[in-house]
Amino acid sequence: TTPTTQTTTPEQTALINEIRHLEKSTKNALRTTADELERLEHTSSKTRSTIDHLERKLKVLEKKKKQQNQDDGYSTRRNSVIGNGTSGGGGGGVNKKLNSFL
């Protein structure tokens, strides 16, 4: 058998070069996309961690606020009972008994 020599036309050569260029561009784009995804995953993880921390902090603050409101409500009720116990006549005996528990 005789070796065959394959010749390419200038159009074929141009197409081959274009394909090689597109392969290289695609590989670079995929690498860049992978890097960006990794960066976004890291950022997302940090954001989730920050949100979790803030949610825990908010829960503590809400609990403190609720306790403060309960404490304030107790003080307001106590002061109301004590304040009303001597005004308006009548009923003072009941209020005095309530005050003794407070």
PDB file of N, CA and C in Angstrom:
ATOM      1  N   THR A   1       0.845  -1.189   0.000  1.00  0.00           N
ATOM      2  CA  THR A   1       0.000   0.000   0.000  1.00  0.00           C
ATOM      3  C   THR A   1       0.870   1.224   0.000  1.00  0.00           C
ATOM      4  N   THR A   2       0.368   2.186  -0.638  1.00  0.00           N
ATOM      5  CA  THR A   2       1.102   3.448  -0.696  1.00  0.00           C
ATOM      6  C   THR A   2       0.501   4.405   0.331  1.00  0.00           C
ATOM      7  N   PRO A   3       1.362   5.150   0.986  1.00  0.00           N
ATOM      8  CA  PRO A   3       0.835   6.119   1.962  1.00  0.00           C
ATOM      9  C   PRO A   3       0.006   7.176   1.255  1.00  0.00           C
ATOM     10  N   THR A   4      -1.081   7.536   1.928  1.00  0.00           N
ATOM     11  CA  THR A   4      -1.929   8.573   1.340  1.00  0.00           C
ATOM     12  C   THR A   4      -1.638   9.893   2.030  1.00  0.00           C
ATOM     13  N   THR A   5      -1.546  10.873   1.284  1.00  0.00           N
ATOM     14  CA  THR A   5      -1.333  12.210   1.809  1.00  0.00           C
ATOM     15  C   THR A   5      -2.653  12.946   1.731  1.00  0.00           C
ATOM     16  N   GLN A   6      -3.020  13.462   2.906  1.00  0.00           N
ATOM     17  CA  GLN A   6      -4.296  14.173   2.947  1.00  0.00           C
ATOM     18  C   GLN A   6      -3.992  15.664   2.936  1.00  0.00           C
ATOM     19  N   THR A   7      -4.598  16.345   2.057  1.00  0.00           N
ATOM     20  CA  THR A   7      -4.406  17.789   1.995  1.00  0.00           C
ATOM     21  C   THR A   7      -5.661  18.472   2.518  1.00  0.00           C
ATOM     22  N   THR A   8      -5.436  19.584   3.159  1.00  0.00           N
ATOM     23  CA  THR A   8      -6.576  20.347   3.669  1.00  0.00           C
ATOM     24  C   THR A   8      -6.650  21.665   2.940  1.00  0.00           C
ATOM     25  N   THR A   9      -7.837  22.065   2.754  1.00  0.00           N
ATOM     26  CA  THR A   9      -8.069  23.344   2.094  1.00  0.00           C
ATOM     27  C   THR A   9      -7.921  24.461   3.119  1.00  0.00           C
ATOM     28  N   PRO A  10      -7.705  25.678   2.664  1.00  0.00           N
ATOM     29  CA  PRO A  10      -7.624  26.795   3.607  1.00  0.00           C
ATOM     30  C   PRO A  10      -8.891  26.928   4.458  1.00  0.00           C
ATOM     31  N   GLU A  11     -10.040  26.619   3.898  1.00  0.00           N
ATOM     32  CA  GLU A  11     -11.283  26.695   4.665  1.00  0.00           C
ATOM     33  C   GLU A  11     -11.291  25.660   5.790  1.00  0.00           C
ATOM     34  N   GLN A  12     -10.799  24.448   5.491  1.00  0.00           N
ATOM     35  CA  GLN A  12     -10.731  23.404   6.511  1.00  0.00           C
ATOM     36  C   GLN A  12      -9.760  23.793   7.618  1.00  0.00           C
ATOM     37  N   THR A  13      -8.634  24.338   7.238  1.00  0.00           N
ATOM     38  CA  THR A  13      -7.645  24.790   8.214  1.00  0.00           C
ATOM     39  C   THR A  13      -8.238  25.879   9.107  1.00  0.00           C
ATOM     40  N   ALA A  14      -8.957  26.785   8.515  1.00  0.00           N
ATOM     41  CA  ALA A  14      -9.599  27.858   9.292  1.00  0.00           C
ATOM     42  C   ALA A  14     -10.618  27.281  10.275  1.00  0.00           C
ATOM     43  N   LEU A  15     -11.392  26.293   9.812  1.00  0.00           N
ATOM     44  CA  LEU A  15     -12.377  25.653  10.686  1.00  0.00           C
ATOM     45  C   LEU A  15     -11.706  24.895  11.834  1.00  0.00           C
ATOM     46  N   ILE A  16     -10.612  24.198  11.526  1.00  0.00           N
ATOM     47  CA  ILE A  16      -9.871  23.468  12.569  1.00  0.00           C
ATOM     48  C   ILE A  16      -9.344  24.448  13.616  1.00  0.00           C
ATOM     49  N   ASN A  17      -8.783  25.545  13.156  1.00  0.00           N
ATOM     50  CA  ASN A  17      -8.269  26.566  14.091  1.00  0.00           C
ATOM     51  C   ASN A  17      -9.390  27.162  14.934  1.00  0.00           C
ATOM     52  N   GLU A  18     -10.524  27.381  14.322  1.00  0.00           N
ATOM     53  CA  GLU A  18     -11.677  27.930  15.044  1.00  0.00           C
ATOM     54  C   GLU A  18     -12.164  26.935  16.114  1.00  0.00           C
ATOM     55  N   ILE A  19     -12.200  25.653  15.759  1.00  0.00           N
ATOM     56  CA  ILE A  19     -12.612  24.622  16.722  1.00  0.00           C
ATOM     57  C   ILE A  19     -11.639  24.579  17.894  1.00  0.00           C
ATOM     58  N   ARG A  20     -10.351  24.624  17.603  1.00  0.00           N
ATOM     59  CA  ARG A  20      -9.343  24.619  18.681  1.00  0.00           C
ATOM     60  C   ARG A  20      -9.514  25.848  19.588  1.00  0.00           C
ATOM     61  N   HIS A  21      -9.757  26.975  18.954  1.00  0.00           N
ATOM     62  CA  HIS A  21      -9.966  28.196  19.734  1.00  0.00           C
ATOM     63  C   HIS A  21     -11.218  28.068  20.617  1.00  0.00           C
ATOM     64  N   LEU A  22     -12.288  27.525  20.057  1.00  0.00           N
ATOM     65  CA  LEU A  22     -13.527  27.349  20.830  1.00  0.00           C
ATOM     66  C   LEU A  22     -13.340  26.356  21.971  1.00  0.00           C
ATOM     67  N   GLU A  23     -12.574  25.298  21.749  1.00  0.00           N
ATOM     68  CA  GLU A  23     -12.276  24.332  22.818  1.00  0.00           C
ATOM     69  C   GLU A  23     -11.532  25.008  23.966  1.00  0.00           C
ATOM     70  N   LYS A  24     -10.538  25.797  23.605  1.00  0.00           N
ATOM     71  CA  LYS A  24      -9.743  26.499  24.622  1.00  0.00           C
ATOM     72  C   LYS A  24     -10.619  27.498  25.385  1.00  0.00           C
ATOM     73  N   SER A  25     -11.441  28.252  24.679  1.00  0.00           N
ATOM     74  CA  SER A  25     -12.329  29.228  25.312  1.00  0.00           C
ATOM     75  C   SER A  25     -13.334  28.527  26.235  1.00  0.00           C
ATOM     76  N   THR A  26     -13.845  27.391  25.784  1.00  0.00           N
ATOM     77  CA  THR A  26     -14.819  26.640  26.581  1.00  0.00           C
ATOM     78  C   THR A  26     -14.174  26.132  27.862  1.00  0.00           C
ATOM     79  N   LYS A  27     -12.963  25.590  27.757  1.00  0.00           N
ATOM     80  CA  LYS A  27     -12.246  25.105  28.941  1.00  0.00           C
ATOM     81  C   LYS A  27     -12.004  26.252  29.928  1.00  0.00           C
ATOM     82  N   ASN A  28     -11.596  27.398  29.420  1.00  0.00           N
ATOM     83  CA  ASN A  28     -11.368  28.564  30.293  1.00  0.00           C
ATOM     84  C   ASN A  28     -12.670  29.014  30.964  1.00  0.00           C
ATOM     85  N   ALA A  29     -13.747  29.022  30.186  1.00  0.00           N
ATOM     86  CA  ALA A  29     -15.047  29.422  30.739  1.00  0.00           C
ATOM     87  C   ALA A  29     -15.506  28.443  31.816  1.00  0.00           C
ATOM     88  N   LEU A  30     -15.307  27.150  31.583  1.00  0.00           N
ATOM     89  CA  LEU A  30     -15.677  26.143  32.582  1.00  0.00           C
ATOM     90  C   LEU A  30     -14.832  26.286  33.850  1.00  0.00           C
ATOM     91  N   ARG A  31     -13.557  26.551  33.699  1.00  0.00           N
ATOM     92  CA  ARG A  31     -12.670  26.754  34.851  1.00  0.00           C
ATOM     93  C   ARG A  31     -13.113  27.989  35.642  1.00  0.00           C
ATOM     94  N   THR A  32     -13.401  29.060  34.936  1.00  0.00           N
ATOM     95  CA  THR A  32     -13.860  30.288  35.582  1.00  0.00           C
ATOM     96  C   THR A  32     -15.187  30.062  36.292  1.00  0.00           C
ATOM     97  N   THR A  33     -16.089  29.332  35.645  1.00  0.00           N
ATOM     98  CA  THR A  33     -17.388  29.036  36.249  1.00  0.00           C
ATOM     99  C   THR A  33     -17.222  28.187  37.504  1.00  0.00           C
ATOM    100  N   ALA A  34     -16.352  27.199  37.447  1.00  0.00           N
ATOM    101  CA  ALA A  34     -16.099  26.350  38.615  1.00  0.00           C
ATOM    102  C   ALA A  34     -15.529  27.178  39.766  1.00  0.00           C
ATOM    103  N   ASP A  35     -14.596  28.082  39.453  1.00  0.00           N
ATOM    104  CA  ASP A  35     -14.022  28.959  40.483  1.00  0.00           C
ATOM    105  C   ASP A  35     -15.097  29.852  41.097  1.00  0.00           C
ATOM    106  N   GLU A  36     -15.970  30.387  40.255  1.00  0.00           N
ATOM    107  CA  GLU A  36     -17.043  31.262  40.734  1.00  0.00           C
ATOM    108  C   GLU A  36     -18.027  30.486  41.603  1.00  0.00           C
ATOM    109  N   LEU A  37     -18.361  29.257  41.199  1.00  0.00           N
ATOM    110  CA  LEU A  37     -19.258  28.430  42.015  1.00  0.00           C
ATOM    111  C   LEU A  37     -18.644  28.149  43.380  1.00  0.00           C
ATOM    112  N   GLU A  38     -17.365  27.860  43.402  1.00  0.00           N
ATOM    113  CA  GLU A  38     -16.686  27.610  44.674  1.00  0.00           C
ATOM    114  C   GLU A  38     -16.722  28.857  45.558  1.00  0.00           C
ATOM    115  N   ARG A  39     -16.490  30.017  44.952  1.00  0.00           N
ATOM    116  CA  ARG A  39     -16.526  31.274  45.699  1.00  0.00           C
ATOM    117  C   ARG A  39     -17.932  31.531  46.242  1.00  0.00           C
ATOM    118  N   LEU A  40     -18.947  31.287  45.414  1.00  0.00           N
ATOM    119  CA  LEU A  40     -20.329  31.500  45.848  1.00  0.00           C
ATOM    120  C   LEU A  40     -20.734  30.530  46.953  1.00  0.00           C
ATOM    121  N   GLU A  41     -20.274  29.286  46.868  1.00  0.00           N
ATOM    122  CA  GLU A  41     -20.567  28.315  47.923  1.00  0.00           C
ATOM    123  C   GLU A  41     -19.946  28.759  49.242  1.00  0.00           C
ATOM    124  N   HIS A  42     -18.715  29.260  49.173  1.00  0.00           N
ATOM    125  CA  HIS A  42     -18.042  29.751  50.379  1.00  0.00           C
ATOM    126  C   HIS A  42     -18.789  30.957  50.954  1.00  0.00           C
ATOM    127  N   THR A  43     -19.151  31.886  50.092  1.00  0.00           N
ATOM    128  CA  THR A  43     -19.883  33.073  50.528  1.00  0.00           C
ATOM    129  C   THR A  43     -21.235  32.680  51.117  1.00  0.00           C
ATOM    130  N   SER A  44     -21.902  31.741  50.464  1.00  0.00           N
ATOM    131  CA  SER A  44     -23.200  31.264  50.948  1.00  0.00           C
ATOM    132  C   SER A  44     -23.059  30.622  52.319  1.00  0.00           C
ATOM    133  N   SER A  45     -22.021  29.853  52.506  1.00  0.00           N
ATOM    134  CA  SER A  45     -21.765  29.203  53.791  1.00  0.00           C
ATOM    135  C   SER A  45     -21.526  30.248  54.882  1.00  0.00           C
ATOM    136  N   LYS A  46     -20.732  31.262  54.561  1.00  0.00           N
ATOM    137  CA  LYS A  46     -20.478  32.333  55.530  1.00  0.00           C
ATOM    138  C   LYS A  46     -21.768  33.095  55.844  1.00  0.00           C
ATOM    139  N   THR A  47     -22.584  33.335  54.824  1.00  0.00           N
ATOM    140  CA  THR A  47     -23.849  34.039  55.017  1.00  0.00           C
ATOM    141  C   THR A  47     -24.779  33.224  55.909  1.00  0.00           C
ATOM    142  N   ARG A  48     -24.875  31.923  55.654  1.00  0.00           N
ATOM    143  CA  ARG A  48     -25.720  31.038  56.465  1.00  0.00           C
ATOM    144  C   ARG A  48     -25.256  31.056  57.919  1.00  0.00           C
ATOM    145  N   SER A  49     -23.945  31.014  58.117  1.00  0.00           N
ATOM    146  CA  SER A  49     -23.383  31.050  59.465  1.00  0.00           C
ATOM    147  C   SER A  49     -23.742  32.359  60.165  1.00  0.00           C
ATOM    148  N   THR A  50     -23.645  33.454  59.435  1.00  0.00           N
ATOM    149  CA  THR A  50     -23.997  34.762  59.999  1.00  0.00           C
ATOM    150  C   THR A  50     -25.482  34.824  60.338  1.00  0.00           C
ATOM    151  N   ILE A  51     -26.318  34.313  59.448  1.00  0.00           N
ATOM    152  CA  ILE A  51     -27.765  34.305  59.695  1.00  0.00           C
ATOM    153  C   ILE A  51     -28.081  33.467  60.923  1.00  0.00           C
ATOM    154  N   ASP A  52     -27.468  32.290  61.039  1.00  0.00           N
ATOM    155  CA  ASP A  52     -27.695  31.432  62.202  1.00  0.00           C
ATOM    156  C   ASP A  52     -27.296  32.142  63.486  1.00  0.00           C
ATOM    157  N   HIS A  53     -26.142  32.802  63.450  1.00  0.00           N
ATOM    158  CA  HIS A  53     -25.671  33.547  64.627  1.00  0.00           C
ATOM    159  C   HIS A  53     -26.654  34.657  65.003  1.00  0.00           C
ATOM    160  N   LEU A  54     -27.114  35.409  64.002  1.00  0.00           N
ATOM    161  CA  LEU A  54     -28.046  36.502  64.269  1.00  0.00           C
ATOM    162  C   LEU A  54     -29.399  35.988  64.761  1.00  0.00           C
ATOM    163  N   GLU A  55     -29.841  34.847  64.228  1.00  0.00           N
ATOM    164  CA  GLU A  55     -31.109  34.268  64.693  1.00  0.00           C
ATOM    165  C   GLU A  55     -31.005  33.842  66.151  1.00  0.00           C
ATOM    166  N   ARG A  56     -29.863  33.246  66.528  1.00  0.00           N
ATOM    167  CA  ARG A  56     -29.670  32.865  67.937  1.00  0.00           C
ATOM    168  C   ARG A  56     -29.649  34.111  68.827  1.00  0.00           C
ATOM    169  N   LYS A  57     -28.958  35.138  68.370  1.00  0.00           N
ATOM    170  CA  LYS A  57     -28.869  36.381  69.132  1.00  0.00           C
ATOM    171  C   LYS A  57     -30.253  37.021  69.279  1.00  0.00           C
ATOM    172  N   LEU A  58     -31.030  37.016  68.199  1.00  0.00           N
ATOM    173  CA  LEU A  58     -32.377  37.570  68.228  1.00  0.00           C
ATOM    174  C   LEU A  58     -33.256  36.800  69.200  1.00  0.00           C
ATOM    175  N   LYS A  59     -33.123  35.492  69.199  1.00  0.00           N
ATOM    176  CA  LYS A  59     -33.915  34.656  70.104  1.00  0.00           C
ATOM    177  C   LYS A  59     -33.615  35.024  71.565  1.00  0.00           C
ATOM    178  N   VAL A  60     -32.332  35.211  71.871  1.00  0.00           N
ATOM    179  CA  VAL A  60     -31.939  35.603  73.230  1.00  0.00           C
ATOM    180  C   VAL A  60     -32.520  36.972  73.574  1.00  0.00           C
ATOM    181  N   LEU A  61     -32.415  37.908  72.630  1.00  0.00           N
ATOM    182  CA  LEU A  61     -32.946  39.255  72.882  1.00  0.00           C
ATOM    183  C   LEU A  61     -34.461  39.235  73.052  1.00  0.00           C
ATOM    184  N   GLU A  62     -35.153  38.419  72.240  1.00  0.00           N
ATOM    185  CA  GLU A  62     -36.612  38.316  72.374  1.00  0.00           C
ATOM    186  C   GLU A  62     -36.981  37.721  73.724  1.00  0.00           C
ATOM    187  N   LYS A  63     -36.207  36.733  74.158  1.00  0.00           N
ATOM    188  CA  LYS A  63     -36.463  36.110  75.456  1.00  0.00           C
ATOM    189  C   LYS A  63     -36.263  37.130  76.580  1.00  0.00           C
ATOM    190  N   LYS A  64     -35.183  37.913  76.475  1.00  0.00           N
ATOM    191  CA  LYS A  64     -34.932  38.960  77.485  1.00  0.00           C
ATOM    192  C   LYS A  64     -36.047  39.992  77.477  1.00  0.00           C
ATOM    193  N   LYS A  65     -36.485  40.391  76.281  1.00  0.00           N
ATOM    194  CA  LYS A  65     -37.557  41.386  76.153  1.00  0.00           C
ATOM    195  C   LYS A  65     -38.855  40.848  76.744  1.00  0.00           C
ATOM    196  N   LYS A  66     -39.160  39.589  76.469  1.00  0.00           N
ATOM    197  CA  LYS A  66     -40.371  38.972  77.006  1.00  0.00           C
ATOM    198  C   LYS A  66     -40.313  38.946  78.530  1.00  0.00           C
ATOM    199  N   GLN A  67     -39.143  38.566  79.058  1.00  0.00           N
ATOM    200  CA  GLN A  67     -38.980  38.539  80.519  1.00  0.00           C
ATOM    201  C   GLN A  67     -39.115  39.942  81.092  1.00  0.00           C
ATOM    202  N   GLN A  68     -38.526  40.920  80.415  1.00  0.00           N
ATOM    203  CA  GLN A  68     -38.620  42.309  80.881  1.00  0.00           C
ATOM    204  C   GLN A  68     -40.071  42.774  80.876  1.00  0.00           C
ATOM    205  N   ASN A  69     -40.806  42.413  79.807  1.00  0.00           N
ATOM    206  CA  ASN A  69     -42.221  42.785  79.737  1.00  0.00           C
ATOM    207  C   ASN A  69     -43.015  42.117  80.848  1.00  0.00           C
ATOM    208  N   GLN A  70     -42.695  40.844  81.151  1.00  0.00           N
ATOM    209  CA  GLN A  70     -43.377  40.165  82.244  1.00  0.00           C
ATOM    210  C   GLN A  70     -43.043  40.838  83.571  1.00  0.00           C
ATOM    211  N   ASP A  71     -41.771  41.187  83.752  1.00  0.00           N
ATOM    212  CA  ASP A  71     -41.367  41.878  84.978  1.00  0.00           C
ATOM    213  C   ASP A  71     -42.055  43.226  85.092  1.00  0.00           C
ATOM    214  N   ASP A  72     -42.120  43.967  83.979  1.00  0.00           N
ATOM    215  CA  ASP A  72     -42.791  45.265  83.974  1.00  0.00           C
ATOM    216  C   ASP A  72     -44.276  45.100  84.256  1.00  0.00           C
ATOM    217  N   GLY A  73     -44.882  44.070  83.681  1.00  0.00           N
ATOM    218  CA  GLY A  73     -46.300  43.813  83.914  1.00  0.00           C
ATOM    219  C   GLY A  73     -46.560  43.495  85.369  1.00  0.00           C
ATOM    220  N   TYR A  74     -45.693  42.729  85.977  1.00  0.00           N
ATOM    221  CA  TYR A  74     -45.836  42.402  87.396  1.00  0.00           C
ATOM    222  C   TYR A  74     -45.743  43.671  88.231  1.00  0.00           C
ATOM    223  N   SER A  75     -44.741  44.508  87.920  1.00  0.00           N
ATOM    224  CA  SER A  75     -44.578  45.764  88.670  1.00  0.00           C
ATOM    225  C   SER A  75     -45.787  46.662  88.480  1.00  0.00           C
ATOM    226  N   THR A  76     -46.302  46.737  87.252  1.00  0.00           N
ATOM    227  CA  THR A  76     -47.461  47.594  86.977  1.00  0.00           C
ATOM    228  C   THR A  76     -48.680  47.084  87.723  1.00  0.00           C
ATOM    229  N   ARG A  77     -48.911  45.765  87.675  1.00  0.00           N
ATOM    230  CA  ARG A  77     -50.062  45.195  88.408  1.00  0.00           C
ATOM    231  C   ARG A  77     -49.900  45.428  89.897  1.00  0.00           C
ATOM    232  N   ARG A  78     -48.705  45.221  90.404  1.00  0.00           N
ATOM    233  CA  ARG A  78     -48.460  45.385  91.846  1.00  0.00           C
ATOM    234  C   ARG A  78     -48.702  46.834  92.247  1.00  0.00           C
ATOM    235  N   ASN A  79     -48.163  47.762  91.480  1.00  0.00           N
ATOM    236  CA  ASN A  79     -48.345  49.175  91.789  1.00  0.00           C
ATOM    237  C   ASN A  79     -49.806  49.566  91.661  1.00  0.00           C
ATOM    238  N   SER A  80     -50.504  49.002  90.709  1.00  0.00           N
ATOM    239  CA  SER A  80     -51.913  49.296  90.512  1.00  0.00           C
ATOM    240  C   SER A  80     -52.716  48.832  91.709  1.00  0.00           C
ATOM    241  N   VAL A  81     -52.430  47.630  92.188  1.00  0.00           N
ATOM    242  CA  VAL A  81     -53.155  47.092  93.345  1.00  0.00           C
ATOM    243  C   VAL A  81     -52.853  47.929  94.577  1.00  0.00           C
ATOM    244  N   ILE A  82     -51.603  48.256  94.772  1.00  0.00           N
ATOM    245  CA  ILE A  82     -51.236  49.056  95.940  1.00  0.00           C
ATOM    246  C   ILE A  82     -51.852  50.448  95.842  1.00  0.00           C
ATOM    247  N   GLY A  83     -51.774  51.054  94.654  1.00  0.00           N
ATOM    248  CA  GLY A  83     -52.297  52.405  94.468  1.00  0.00           C
ATOM    249  C   GLY A  83     -53.798  52.460  94.618  1.00  0.00           C
ATOM    250  N   ASN A  84     -54.514  51.483  94.132  1.00  0.00           N
ATOM    251  CA  ASN A  84     -55.968  51.500  94.191  1.00  0.00           C
ATOM    252  C   ASN A  84     -56.511  51.036  95.539  1.00  0.00           C
ATOM    253  N   GLY A  85     -55.660  50.464  96.353  1.00  0.00           N
ATOM    254  CA  GLY A  85     -56.113  49.902  97.618  1.00  0.00           C
ATOM    255  C   GLY A  85     -56.625  50.934  98.591  1.00  0.00           C
ATOM    256  N   THR A  86     -56.188  52.161  98.473  1.00  0.00           N
ATOM    257  CA  THR A  86     -56.593  53.172  99.438  1.00  0.00           C
ATOM    258  C   THR A  86     -57.508  54.212  98.835  1.00  0.00           C
ATOM    259  N   SER A  87     -57.763  54.155  97.536  1.00  0.00           N
ATOM    260  CA  SER A  87     -58.574  55.205  96.923  1.00  0.00           C
ATOM    261  C   SER A  87     -59.992  54.722  96.701  1.00  0.00           C
ATOM    262  N   GLY A  88     -60.910  55.606  96.700  1.00  0.00           N
ATOM    263  CA  GLY A  88     -62.287  55.325  96.349  1.00  0.00           C
ATOM    264  C   GLY A  88     -63.103  54.671  97.441  1.00  0.00           C
ATOM    265  N   GLY A  89     -62.547  54.405  98.573  1.00  0.00           N
ATOM    266  CA  GLY A  89     -63.301  53.776  99.660  1.00  0.00           C
ATOM    267  C   GLY A  89     -63.781  52.400  99.265  1.00  0.00           C
ATOM    268  N   GLY A  90     -64.168  51.580 100.175  1.00  0.00           N
ATOM    269  CA  GLY A  90     -64.692  50.244  99.908  1.00  0.00           C
ATOM    270  C   GLY A  90     -63.672  49.384  99.191  1.00  0.00           C
ATOM    271  N   GLY A  91     -63.693  48.129  99.431  1.00  0.00           N
ATOM    272  CA  GLY A  91     -62.785  47.216  98.750  1.00  0.00           C
ATOM    273  C   GLY A  91     -61.383  47.250  99.285  1.00  0.00           C
ATOM    274  N   GLY A  92     -61.083  48.110 100.195  1.00  0.00           N
ATOM    275  CA  GLY A  92     -59.739  48.222 100.735  1.00  0.00           C
ATOM    276  C   GLY A  92     -59.281  46.957 101.416  1.00  0.00           C
ATOM    277  N   GLY A  93     -60.200  46.255 102.051  1.00  0.00           N
ATOM    278  CA  GLY A  93     -59.822  45.030 102.747  1.00  0.00           C
ATOM    279  C   GLY A  93     -59.298  43.980 101.789  1.00  0.00           C
ATOM    280  N   VAL A  94     -59.924  43.825 100.629  1.00  0.00           N
ATOM    281  CA  VAL A  94     -59.472  42.852  99.634  1.00  0.00           C
ATOM    282  C   VAL A  94     -58.105  43.245  99.128  1.00  0.00           C
ATOM    283  N   ASN A  95     -57.911  44.530  98.830  1.00  0.00           N
ATOM    284  CA  ASN A  95     -56.625  44.986  98.319  1.00  0.00           C
ATOM    285  C   ASN A  95     -55.534  44.817  99.358  1.00  0.00           C
ATOM    286  N   LYS A  96     -55.846  45.015 100.623  1.00  0.00           N
ATOM    287  CA  LYS A  96     -54.839  44.828 101.665  1.00  0.00           C
ATOM    288  C   LYS A  96     -54.416  43.371 101.718  1.00  0.00           C
ATOM    289  N   LYS A  97     -55.360  42.458 101.539  1.00  0.00           N
ATOM    290  CA  LYS A  97     -54.997  41.030 101.531  1.00  0.00           C
ATOM    291  C   LYS A  97     -54.133  40.714 100.312  1.00  0.00           C
ATOM    292  N   LEU A  98     -54.470  41.279  99.168  1.00  0.00           N
ATOM    293  CA  LEU A  98     -53.645  41.074  97.971  1.00  0.00           C
ATOM    294  C   LEU A  98     -52.243  41.608  98.165  1.00  0.00           C
ATOM    295  N   ASN A  99     -52.155  42.789  98.772  1.00  0.00           N
ATOM    296  CA  ASN A  99     -50.848  43.406  99.000  1.00  0.00           C
ATOM    297  C   ASN A  99     -49.991  42.548  99.909  1.00  0.00           C
ATOM    298  N   SER A 100     -50.600  41.848 100.824  1.00  0.00           N
ATOM    299  CA  SER A 100     -49.815  41.043 101.731  1.00  0.00           C
ATOM    300  C   SER A 100     -49.146  39.874 100.999  1.00  0.00           C
ATOM    301  N   PHE A 101     -49.731  39.473  99.891  1.00  0.00           N
ATOM    302  CA  PHE A 101     -49.115  38.402  99.096  1.00  0.00           C
ATOM    303  C   PHE A 101     -48.005  38.944  98.196  1.00  0.00           C
ATOM    304  N   LEU A 102     -48.058  40.215  97.895  1.00  0.00           N
ATOM    305  CA  LEU A 102     -47.076  40.815  97.000  1.00  0.00           C
ATOM    306  C   LEU A 102     -45.904  41.242  97.829  1.00  0.00           C
TER     307      LEU A 102
END
